[in-house]
């Protein structure tokens, strides 16, 4: 009987040796050789199958480290994949093994997901996503309420110190000791912190963006030199040409204003203690505060433009303030915000002339007020079902209210055209990088990872024709002072 079994023993030994060689080439643990030897896999496809298993196993590593995938399930998962995989070429066989194994692992983890969360694509998202992008996706799951990770779900439950020590599909030995030696993690981890913090930063920035920004047009800035905006007349009226007559030449008037981009910023740090303690709260909150702070910086700069020269605005190239009687954009008499004063403001904007003296048809679009006038402004632009012609609201659905707390006067209000129609207020970011940016480096003087928040931003008025201002007044005692200001 022993003699009869001898050929099978030799065959099995040879097959196991072949599979061990294949798994060795793919840098797989020994257990995979036994799985492959027990499968119907042909020896000619051993290397290809081992390569597919190696890819699937590398993908599974972070999920096992985070506890979302039990490695005890892997033998059955991989055995099934090897039994079902089919491919006419080594490339096809390798891909078939990888896909079957990943699909099975995905289904296993999806079944263990808590109620209310779907996990049909545990390995979903961009298959080309870098380790840093995947880490950032996992970090955001802990830092941003409502963020459901896709490409980085394997990192969503991993501690900061394990993530910092993660490299090549495994966590470096030493865990806490790895950080204690002064290292702050792999390059992937540093990049991931930068990516995740930038997303949080921009979320907070966008949630707090200045209301006055809506009335400004963004223009490009390649450097920090003054941005010279040339204003060209809208053109000339066409003259009548008689039969066989000559076309006459016209002239184009131009003028210019300038403003420049400036740099604003702040530095904060994620300490080694916070990383060891796996504490993302302070880091996340600080990042959000920086994003909000960048938006508030822009809002302050916009508001400061309007507050210059006691509310008359910045000096223009003609030596006069933005709001000036000679510019036709300042109320002749200070008045409270009502239909009558709004009508006067609209007429004044409609009567504006271009550089060549042509009518430019400025259409008021925004009604800009301080918080004290918000309710009054909303009432003035609300649609009202009128019982008579005299009760019709002429401004219903024609003006959009912007409220800004950086407007220090409780009575002053403004009208402005839509940005670019014509140009009035403009803003710019260096190289088109809208909003703040975060830069990351490992600290040396302090035992921490340092984050620098930088905002390159500038704003300015390039023409007076798109805006109108009424100083307003809040009581009879303010009338004389407001009227005097309007006559400046």
Protein backbone atom coordinates (compact mmCIF):
# COMPACT_ATOMS: atom_id res chain seq x y z
CA UNK A 1 0.00 0.00 0.00
CA UNK A 2 2.83 2.33 0.80
CA UNK A 3 4.35 1.55 -2.59
CA UNK A 4 1.08 2.38 -4.34
CA UNK A 5 0.93 5.78 -2.64
CA UNK A 6 4.52 6.67 -3.36
CA UNK A 7 3.85 8.37 -6.76
CA UNK A 8 1.17 10.62 -5.22
CA UNK A 9 3.49 11.53 -2.38
CA UNK A 10 6.19 12.49 -4.84
CA UNK A 11 3.69 14.43 -6.96
CA UNK A 12 2.36 16.30 -3.95
CA UNK A 13 5.86 17.08 -2.73
CA UNK A 14 6.86 18.41 -6.13
CA UNK A 15 3.67 20.50 -6.38
CA UNK A 16 4.19 21.95 -2.91
CA UNK A 17 7.78 22.82 -3.80
CA UNK A 18 6.62 24.56 -6.98
CA UNK A 19 4.04 26.56 -5.06
CA UNK A 20 6.54 27.48 -2.35
CA UNK A 21 8.90 28.78 -5.01
CA UNK A 22 6.10 30.88 -6.51
CA UNK A 23 5.06 32.33 -3.13
CA UNK A 24 8.70 33.02 -2.29
CA UNK A 25 9.09 35.04 -5.48
CA UNK A 26 5.97 37.03 -4.54
CA UNK A 27 7.22 37.54 -0.94
CA UNK A 28 4.14 35.78 0.47
CA UNK A 29 3.94 33.92 3.82
CA UNK A 30 4.32 30.12 3.74
CA UNK A 31 0.60 29.52 4.34
CA UNK A 32 -0.12 30.64 0.78
CA UNK A 33 1.95 27.75 -0.67
CA UNK A 34 -0.32 25.23 1.06
CA UNK A 35 -3.42 27.00 -0.24
CA UNK A 36 -2.08 27.01 -3.78
CA UNK A 37 -1.00 23.35 -3.56
CA UNK A 38 -4.52 22.32 -2.51
CA UNK A 39 -6.14 24.28 -5.35
CA UNK A 40 -6.75 23.09 -8.94
CA UNK A 41 -4.21 25.69 -10.11
CA UNK A 42 -1.84 24.47 -12.84
CA UNK A 43 1.90 24.77 -12.14
CA UNK A 44 2.34 26.98 -15.23
CA UNK A 45 0.10 29.64 -13.64
CA UNK A 46 1.65 29.43 -10.16
CA UNK A 47 3.73 32.60 -10.47
CA UNK A 48 0.80 34.58 -11.88
CA UNK A 49 -1.60 33.41 -9.16
CA UNK A 50 0.96 34.19 -6.47
CA UNK A 51 1.36 37.73 -7.87
CA UNK A 52 -2.43 38.23 -7.72
CA UNK A 53 -2.57 36.97 -4.13
CA UNK A 54 0.34 39.25 -3.16
CA UNK A 55 -1.54 42.31 -4.45
CA UNK A 56 -4.72 41.31 -2.61
CA UNK A 57 -2.77 40.59 0.58
CA UNK A 58 -1.07 44.00 0.47
CA UNK A 59 -4.47 45.66 0.10
CA UNK A 60 -5.77 43.66 3.07
CA UNK A 61 -2.90 44.60 5.42
CA UNK A 62 -4.23 48.00 6.60
CA UNK A 63 -7.71 46.56 7.08
CA UNK A 64 -6.28 43.86 9.33
CA UNK A 65 -4.24 46.42 11.27
CA UNK A 66 -7.34 48.55 11.85
CA UNK A 67 -9.32 45.50 13.00
CA UNK A 68 -11.89 45.70 10.22
CA UNK A 69 -10.74 42.45 8.62
CA UNK A 70 -10.06 39.28 10.61
CA UNK A 71 -7.02 37.47 9.20
CA UNK A 72 -8.66 34.18 10.21
CA UNK A 73 -11.06 34.67 7.29
CA UNK A 74 -8.31 35.01 4.72
CA UNK A 75 -7.41 31.30 4.11
CA UNK A 76 -10.97 30.46 3.07
CA UNK A 77 -11.28 33.67 1.02
CA UNK A 78 -8.03 33.04 -0.86
CA UNK A 79 -8.72 29.31 -1.30
CA UNK A 80 -12.06 30.14 -2.93
CA UNK A 81 -10.41 32.74 -5.16
CA UNK A 82 -7.78 30.21 -6.32
CA UNK A 83 -10.46 27.59 -6.98
CA UNK A 84 -12.60 29.94 -9.10
CA UNK A 85 -9.93 31.94 -10.92
CA UNK A 86 -9.61 31.38 -14.65
CA UNK A 87 -7.27 32.98 -17.15
CA UNK A 88 -5.73 32.05 -20.48
CA UNK A 89 -2.64 34.19 -19.87
CA UNK A 90 -0.55 34.85 -16.75
CA UNK A 91 -1.79 38.47 -16.72
CA UNK A 92 -5.43 37.35 -16.87
CA UNK A 93 -4.90 34.75 -14.14
CA UNK A 94 -3.17 37.24 -11.84
CA UNK A 95 -5.97 39.79 -12.25
CA UNK A 96 -8.68 37.13 -11.77
CA UNK A 97 -7.15 35.96 -8.46
CA UNK A 98 -6.71 39.54 -7.22
CA UNK A 99 -10.27 40.57 -8.12
CA UNK A 100 -11.93 37.48 -6.65
CA UNK A 101 -9.96 37.85 -3.39
CA UNK A 102 -10.68 41.59 -3.09
CA UNK A 103 -14.38 41.13 -3.86
CA UNK A 104 -14.64 38.45 -1.17
CA UNK A 105 -12.81 40.59 1.40
CA UNK A 106 -15.04 43.55 0.52
CA UNK A 107 -18.18 41.44 1.02
CA UNK A 108 -16.87 40.13 4.36
CA UNK A 109 -16.29 43.64 5.70
CA UNK A 110 -19.54 44.96 4.24
CA UNK A 111 -21.45 42.30 6.16
CA UNK A 112 -19.84 43.50 9.38
CA UNK A 113 -20.71 47.19 8.81
CA UNK A 114 -23.06 48.80 11.36
CA UNK A 115 -26.69 49.40 10.31
CA UNK A 116 -27.20 52.46 8.14
CA UNK A 117 -23.79 52.41 6.47
CA UNK A 118 -23.32 50.74 3.13
CA UNK A 119 -19.97 49.25 2.24
CA UNK A 120 -20.45 47.81 -1.21
CA UNK A 121 -17.19 49.39 -2.31
CA UNK A 122 -14.77 48.87 0.56
CA UNK A 123 -11.96 48.95 -2.00
CA UNK A 124 -13.81 51.54 -4.08
CA UNK A 125 -12.76 54.99 -5.14
CA UNK A 126 -9.77 55.78 -7.31
CA UNK A 127 -7.68 52.64 -7.75
CA UNK A 128 -4.70 54.90 -8.49
CA UNK A 129 -5.02 56.85 -5.22
CA UNK A 130 -1.71 57.22 -3.43
CA UNK A 131 -1.12 56.01 0.12
CA UNK A 132 -1.15 59.66 1.28
CA UNK A 133 -4.55 60.27 -0.36
CA UNK A 134 -5.96 57.12 1.21
CA UNK A 135 -4.59 58.07 4.63
CA UNK A 136 -6.09 61.55 4.29
CA UNK A 137 -9.46 60.00 3.42
CA UNK A 138 -9.28 57.89 6.58
CA UNK A 139 -8.20 60.87 8.72
CA UNK A 140 -11.13 62.95 7.47
CA UNK A 141 -13.52 60.23 8.65
CA UNK A 142 -12.39 61.07 12.20
CA UNK A 143 -11.99 64.83 11.76
CA UNK A 144 -14.99 65.82 9.64
CA UNK A 145 -18.55 65.04 10.67
CA UNK A 146 -20.43 63.23 7.93
CA UNK A 147 -17.37 62.22 5.90
CA UNK A 148 -17.67 58.60 4.77
CA UNK A 149 -14.29 57.28 3.60
CA UNK A 150 -13.96 55.52 0.26
CA UNK A 151 -10.40 55.03 -0.92
CA UNK A 152 -9.00 55.17 2.61
CA UNK A 153 -11.46 53.15 4.63
CA UNK A 154 -8.66 50.89 5.86
CA UNK A 155 -7.15 53.89 7.67
CA UNK A 156 -10.37 55.20 9.22
CA UNK A 157 -9.94 53.10 12.38
CA UNK A 158 -6.16 53.23 12.60
CA UNK A 159 -4.46 55.20 15.37
CA UNK A 160 -2.23 58.15 14.54
CA UNK A 161 0.93 56.38 15.71
CA UNK A 162 0.16 53.27 13.63
CA UNK A 163 -0.60 55.45 10.63
CA UNK A 164 2.63 57.38 11.16
CA UNK A 165 4.61 54.13 11.23
CA UNK A 166 2.75 52.60 8.26
CA UNK A 167 4.98 51.75 5.36
CA UNK A 168 4.68 49.33 2.46
CA UNK A 169 1.51 47.67 3.70
CA UNK A 170 2.70 47.15 7.27
CA UNK A 171 3.25 49.12 10.47
CA UNK A 172 6.89 49.46 11.44
CA UNK A 173 7.80 47.74 14.65
CA UNK A 174 8.06 49.94 17.67
CA UNK A 175 4.70 51.70 17.46
CA UNK A 176 4.90 54.27 20.22
CA UNK A 177 8.70 53.88 20.39
CA UNK A 178 8.86 54.87 16.72
CA UNK A 179 7.42 58.28 17.60
CA UNK A 180 9.35 58.53 20.86
CA UNK A 181 12.64 58.44 18.97
CA UNK A 182 11.73 61.78 17.44
CA UNK A 183 10.39 60.60 14.08
CA UNK A 184 6.99 61.97 13.15
CA UNK A 185 6.06 59.32 10.66
CA UNK A 186 6.68 58.38 7.06
CA UNK A 187 6.56 60.84 4.19
CA UNK A 188 3.14 59.44 3.26
CA UNK A 189 1.80 60.31 6.72
CA UNK A 190 3.11 63.88 6.55
CA UNK A 191 1.51 64.32 3.14
CA UNK A 192 -1.74 62.83 4.43
CA UNK A 193 -1.85 65.33 7.29
CA UNK A 194 -1.36 68.13 4.77
CA UNK A 195 -4.10 66.86 2.46
CA UNK A 196 -6.63 66.30 5.25
CA UNK A 197 -5.91 69.64 6.95
CA UNK A 198 -6.18 71.50 3.63
CA UNK A 199 -9.64 70.03 3.06
CA UNK A 200 -10.78 70.99 6.56
CA UNK A 201 -9.23 74.42 6.13
CA UNK A 202 -11.07 75.09 2.87
CA UNK A 203 -14.37 73.76 4.24
CA UNK A 204 -14.21 76.21 7.14
CA UNK A 205 -13.01 79.00 4.86
CA UNK A 206 -15.86 78.52 2.39
CA UNK A 207 -18.42 78.39 5.20
CA UNK A 208 -17.29 81.81 6.45
CA UNK A 209 -16.51 83.59 3.18
CA UNK A 210 -17.11 87.35 3.09
CA UNK A 211 -20.52 88.46 1.85
CA UNK A 212 -18.88 91.43 0.11
CA UNK A 213 -16.91 88.99 -2.01
CA UNK A 214 -20.10 88.34 -3.98
CA UNK A 215 -19.94 91.94 -5.23
CA UNK A 216 -16.30 91.60 -6.35
CA UNK A 217 -14.80 90.13 -9.50
CA UNK A 218 -11.77 87.84 -9.20
CA UNK A 219 -8.80 88.57 -11.46
CA UNK A 220 -5.48 86.70 -11.84
CA UNK A 221 -2.26 87.71 -10.10
CA UNK A 222 1.09 86.22 -11.13
CA UNK A 223 3.18 88.10 -8.55
CA UNK A 224 3.05 90.71 -5.79
CA UNK A 225 3.43 93.71 -8.05
CA UNK A 226 0.49 96.14 -8.33
CA UNK A 227 -2.29 94.84 -10.55
CA UNK A 228 -2.97 97.63 -13.02
CA UNK A 229 -6.52 97.40 -14.30
CA UNK A 230 -7.03 99.45 -17.44
CA UNK A 231 -10.55 100.77 -17.85
CA UNK A 232 -11.53 101.27 -21.47
CA UNK A 233 -14.52 103.25 -22.58
CA UNK A 234 -17.39 101.10 -23.74
CA UNK A 235 -16.86 102.58 -27.19
CA UNK A 236 -18.16 105.24 -29.47
CA UNK A 237 -21.46 105.67 -31.19
CA UNK A 238 -21.26 104.72 -34.83
CA UNK A 239 -21.50 107.68 -37.18
CA UNK A 240 -23.61 107.62 -40.28
CA UNK A 241 -21.67 106.90 -43.48
CA UNK A 242 -23.04 108.56 -46.60
CA UNK A 243 -23.14 106.76 -49.94
CA UNK A 244 -19.54 106.43 -51.11
CA UNK A 245 -18.55 108.35 -47.96
CA UNK A 246 -15.54 107.73 -45.79
CA UNK A 247 -15.50 106.06 -42.38
CA UNK A 248 -14.28 108.47 -39.71
CA UNK A 249 -11.82 107.56 -36.94
CA UNK A 250 -12.84 107.48 -33.32
CA UNK A 251 -10.87 107.52 -30.09
CA UNK A 252 -10.96 105.20 -27.08
CA UNK A 253 -10.51 106.75 -23.65
CA UNK A 254 -8.78 104.73 -20.93
CA UNK A 255 -7.83 105.12 -17.29
CA UNK A 256 -6.42 102.83 -14.66
CA UNK A 257 -6.37 101.91 -10.99
CA UNK A 258 -4.15 99.42 -9.18
CA UNK A 259 -4.10 97.12 -6.15
CA UNK A 260 -1.70 94.40 -5.02
CA UNK A 261 -1.75 90.93 -3.46
CA UNK A 262 -0.32 90.65 0.07
CA UNK A 263 0.57 87.66 2.24
CA UNK A 264 -1.15 86.73 5.50
CA UNK A 265 -0.45 83.67 7.63
CA UNK A 266 -0.04 81.76 10.88
CA UNK A 267 1.78 78.65 12.16
CA UNK A 268 0.41 75.92 14.44
CA UNK A 269 1.59 72.43 15.40
CA UNK A 270 0.47 68.84 16.02
CA UNK A 271 2.60 67.80 18.99
CA UNK A 272 4.16 64.39 19.51
CA UNK A 273 2.06 64.02 22.68
CA UNK A 274 -1.12 64.52 20.63
CA UNK A 275 0.02 61.89 18.14
CA UNK A 276 0.90 59.36 20.86
CA UNK A 277 -2.43 60.05 22.59
CA UNK A 278 -4.22 59.70 19.25
CA UNK A 279 -5.84 63.13 19.82
CA UNK A 280 -7.12 64.71 16.62
CA UNK A 281 -9.59 67.09 18.30
CA UNK A 282 -7.23 69.98 18.95
CA UNK A 283 -5.61 69.59 15.52
CA UNK A 284 -8.96 69.50 13.72
CA UNK A 285 -10.37 72.43 15.68
CA UNK A 286 -7.25 74.52 15.10
CA UNK A 287 -7.40 73.81 11.38
CA UNK A 288 -11.04 74.88 11.25
CA UNK A 289 -10.24 78.06 13.18
CA UNK A 290 -7.49 78.88 10.68
CA UNK A 291 -9.89 78.40 7.76
CA UNK A 292 -12.45 80.66 9.40
CA UNK A 293 -9.69 83.14 10.22
CA UNK A 294 -8.63 83.33 6.57
CA UNK A 295 -12.20 84.10 5.51
CA UNK A 296 -12.51 86.74 8.24
CA UNK A 297 -9.23 88.30 7.06
CA UNK A 298 -10.66 88.71 3.57
CA UNK A 299 -13.91 90.10 4.98
CA UNK A 300 -12.00 92.62 7.10
CA UNK A 301 -10.00 93.78 4.06
CA UNK A 302 -13.14 94.20 1.95
CA UNK A 303 -14.85 96.11 4.75
CA UNK A 304 -11.79 98.28 5.38
CA UNK A 305 -11.87 99.53 1.78
CA UNK A 306 -15.36 100.93 2.26
CA UNK A 307 -14.50 102.44 5.67
CA UNK A 308 -11.47 104.43 4.47
CA UNK A 309 -11.51 108.22 4.72
CA UNK A 310 -14.39 108.25 7.20
CA UNK A 311 -16.52 106.10 4.93
CA UNK A 312 -15.84 107.94 1.67
CA UNK A 313 -13.74 105.01 0.43
CA UNK A 314 -10.20 104.83 -0.95
CA UNK A 315 -8.59 107.57 -3.01
CA UNK A 316 -8.85 106.95 -6.74
CA UNK A 317 -6.36 107.93 -9.45
CA UNK A 318 -8.16 111.26 -10.00
CA UNK A 319 -7.34 112.25 -6.42
CA UNK A 320 -10.94 111.98 -5.23
CA UNK A 321 -12.41 109.39 -2.91
CA UNK A 322 -14.40 106.47 -4.29
CA UNK A 323 -17.69 107.98 -3.14
CA UNK A 324 -17.73 111.62 -4.20
CA UNK A 325 -20.33 114.06 -5.54
CA UNK A 326 -18.18 114.58 -8.64
CA UNK A 327 -18.34 110.82 -9.27
CA UNK A 328 -22.13 110.89 -9.18
CA UNK A 329 -22.21 107.98 -6.75
CA UNK A 330 -22.86 109.74 -3.43
CA UNK A 331 -26.32 110.75 -2.22
CA UNK A 332 -26.90 114.50 -2.39
CA UNK A 333 -28.86 114.29 0.85
CA UNK A 334 -28.38 111.63 3.49
CA UNK A 335 -31.55 109.62 3.83
CA UNK A 336 -32.81 106.50 5.54
CA UNK A 337 -33.17 103.33 3.53
CA UNK A 338 -36.58 103.47 1.86
CA UNK A 339 -38.20 103.37 -1.57
CA UNK A 340 -37.53 107.06 -2.18
CA UNK A 341 -33.80 106.95 -1.37
CA UNK A 342 -33.38 103.68 -3.26
CA UNK A 343 -35.03 105.25 -6.30
CA UNK A 344 -32.58 108.17 -6.14
CA UNK A 345 -29.67 105.74 -5.92
CA UNK A 346 -30.90 103.68 -8.85
CA UNK A 347 -31.37 106.78 -11.03
CA UNK A 348 -27.86 107.98 -10.16
CA UNK A 349 -26.37 104.63 -11.21
CA UNK A 350 -28.42 104.57 -14.40
CA UNK A 351 -27.14 108.07 -15.23
CA UNK A 352 -23.48 107.11 -14.95
CA UNK A 353 -21.35 107.91 -17.98
CA UNK A 354 -18.36 106.11 -19.40
CA UNK A 355 -14.91 107.58 -20.01
CA UNK A 356 -16.02 108.94 -23.36
CA UNK A 357 -19.22 110.38 -21.88
CA UNK A 358 -21.43 107.59 -23.18
CA UNK A 359 -24.39 106.17 -21.22
CA UNK A 360 -23.25 102.80 -19.84
CA UNK A 361 -26.56 101.53 -18.42
CA UNK A 362 -25.41 100.42 -14.93
CA UNK A 363 -27.90 97.95 -13.46
CA UNK A 364 -28.03 97.88 -9.62
CA UNK A 365 -27.85 94.29 -8.38
CA UNK A 366 -26.76 94.21 -4.71
CA UNK A 367 -28.16 96.20 -1.80
CA UNK A 368 -25.37 96.17 0.80
CA UNK A 369 -26.20 97.00 4.41
CA UNK A 370 -24.92 96.63 8.00
CA UNK A 371 -26.75 94.21 10.32
CA UNK A 372 -28.84 97.09 11.73
CA UNK A 373 -30.52 97.59 8.34
CA UNK A 374 -30.91 93.92 7.41
CA UNK A 375 -34.61 93.61 8.22
CA UNK A 376 -35.42 96.91 6.55
CA UNK A 377 -33.50 95.90 3.43
CA UNK A 378 -35.24 92.54 3.18
CA UNK A 379 -38.62 94.22 3.51
CA UNK A 380 -37.75 96.62 0.69
CA UNK A 381 -36.88 93.88 -1.78
CA UNK A 382 -39.61 91.43 -0.76
CA UNK A 383 -42.32 90.52 -3.21
CA UNK A 384 -45.67 91.89 -2.02
CA UNK A 385 -49.06 91.15 -3.55
CA UNK A 386 -50.31 94.69 -4.06
CA UNK A 387 -53.98 95.67 -3.88
CA UNK A 388 -53.34 98.75 -6.05
CA UNK A 389 -50.76 100.07 -8.52
CA UNK A 390 -49.42 102.50 -5.92
CA UNK A 391 -48.69 99.67 -3.52
CA UNK A 392 -46.49 97.72 -5.96
CA UNK A 393 -42.94 97.21 -4.70
CA UNK A 394 -40.66 98.45 -7.55
CA UNK A 395 -37.61 96.65 -6.12
CA UNK A 396 -39.13 93.20 -5.62
CA UNK A 397 -36.83 90.49 -7.00
CA UNK A 398 -34.54 93.15 -8.51
CA UNK A 399 -32.02 93.60 -5.71
CA UNK A 400 -30.10 91.03 -3.67
CA UNK A 401 -29.35 91.89 -0.05
CA UNK A 402 -25.80 91.48 1.26
CA UNK A 403 -25.25 91.97 5.01
CA UNK A 404 -21.76 92.47 6.42
CA UNK A 405 -20.78 92.99 10.06
CA UNK A 406 -17.53 94.69 8.97
CA UNK A 407 -19.55 97.74 7.96
CA UNK A 408 -19.08 99.86 11.08
CA UNK A 409 -21.72 102.50 10.38
CA UNK A 410 -25.19 101.46 11.47
CA UNK A 411 -26.86 103.75 8.91
CA UNK A 412 -24.67 103.74 5.78
CA UNK A 413 -25.89 101.63 2.86
CA UNK A 414 -24.75 100.89 -0.69
CA UNK A 415 -25.90 99.77 -4.10
CA UNK A 416 -23.57 97.93 -6.46
CA UNK A 417 -23.74 96.42 -9.92
CA UNK A 418 -23.10 92.76 -10.64
CA UNK A 419 -19.31 92.12 -10.73
CA UNK A 420 -17.91 93.10 -14.12
CA UNK A 421 -21.00 95.00 -15.26
CA UNK A 422 -19.12 97.35 -15.07
CA UNK A 423 -16.03 96.57 -13.01
CA UNK A 424 -15.90 98.15 -9.58
CA UNK A 425 -14.57 96.01 -6.74
CA UNK A 426 -11.96 93.36 -7.63
CA UNK A 427 -9.90 90.80 -5.75
CA UNK A 428 -7.05 88.44 -6.59
CA UNK A 429 -5.16 85.39 -5.28
CA UNK A 430 -1.56 84.63 -6.16
CA UNK A 431 -1.33 82.13 -9.03
CA UNK A 432 -5.06 81.45 -8.79
CA UNK A 433 -4.79 79.62 -5.44
CA UNK A 434 -8.19 80.60 -4.09
CA UNK A 435 -8.32 80.74 -0.30
CA UNK A 436 -5.70 79.67 2.26
CA UNK A 437 -3.18 76.86 1.85
CA UNK A 438 -1.42 74.64 4.40
CA UNK A 439 2.24 73.63 4.27
CA UNK A 440 3.64 70.87 6.49
CA UNK A 441 7.11 70.25 7.88
CA UNK A 442 8.65 68.23 10.70
CA UNK A 443 9.60 70.48 13.61
CA UNK A 444 13.19 70.56 14.82
CA UNK A 445 13.24 73.14 17.61
CA UNK A 446 9.94 71.74 18.86
CA UNK A 447 8.96 68.05 18.93
CA UNK A 448 5.96 68.46 16.68
CA UNK A 449 4.71 68.51 13.11
CA UNK A 450 4.31 72.15 12.11
CA UNK A 451 1.63 73.57 9.83
CA UNK A 452 1.90 76.95 8.12
CA UNK A 453 -1.32 78.55 6.88
CA UNK A 454 -0.76 81.10 4.12
CA UNK A 455 -3.17 83.39 2.29
CA UNK A 456 -2.00 85.49 -0.67
CA UNK A 457 -4.84 87.92 -1.28
CA UNK A 458 -5.54 91.48 -2.33
CA UNK A 459 -8.57 93.59 -3.18
CA UNK A 460 -9.29 97.08 -4.44
CA UNK A 461 -11.67 99.35 -6.35
CA UNK A 462 -10.86 99.96 -10.01
CA UNK A 463 -13.80 102.23 -10.88
CA UNK A 464 -16.43 104.30 -9.07
CA UNK A 465 -19.29 103.83 -11.53
CA UNK A 466 -20.43 100.40 -10.28
CA UNK A 467 -21.14 101.56 -6.71
CA UNK A 468 -23.35 104.10 -4.94
CA UNK A 469 -23.44 105.10 -1.26
CA UNK A 470 -25.93 106.88 0.97
CA UNK A 471 -24.62 107.86 4.47
CA UNK A 472 -28.13 107.43 5.88
CA UNK A 473 -29.13 108.52 9.35
CA UNK A 474 -30.76 106.90 12.34
CA UNK A 475 -32.37 109.88 14.05
CA UNK A 476 -33.19 113.55 13.49
CA UNK A 477 -30.09 114.58 15.46
CA UNK A 478 -27.90 112.79 12.88
CA UNK A 479 -29.37 114.66 9.91
CA UNK A 480 -27.00 117.65 9.90
CA UNK A 481 -23.88 115.53 10.25
CA UNK A 482 -25.01 113.08 7.57
CA UNK A 483 -25.87 115.85 5.15
CA UNK A 484 -22.47 117.49 5.69
CA UNK A 485 -20.74 114.18 4.94
CA UNK A 486 -22.76 113.79 1.72
CA UNK A 487 -21.47 117.13 0.50
CA UNK A 488 -17.79 116.23 0.84
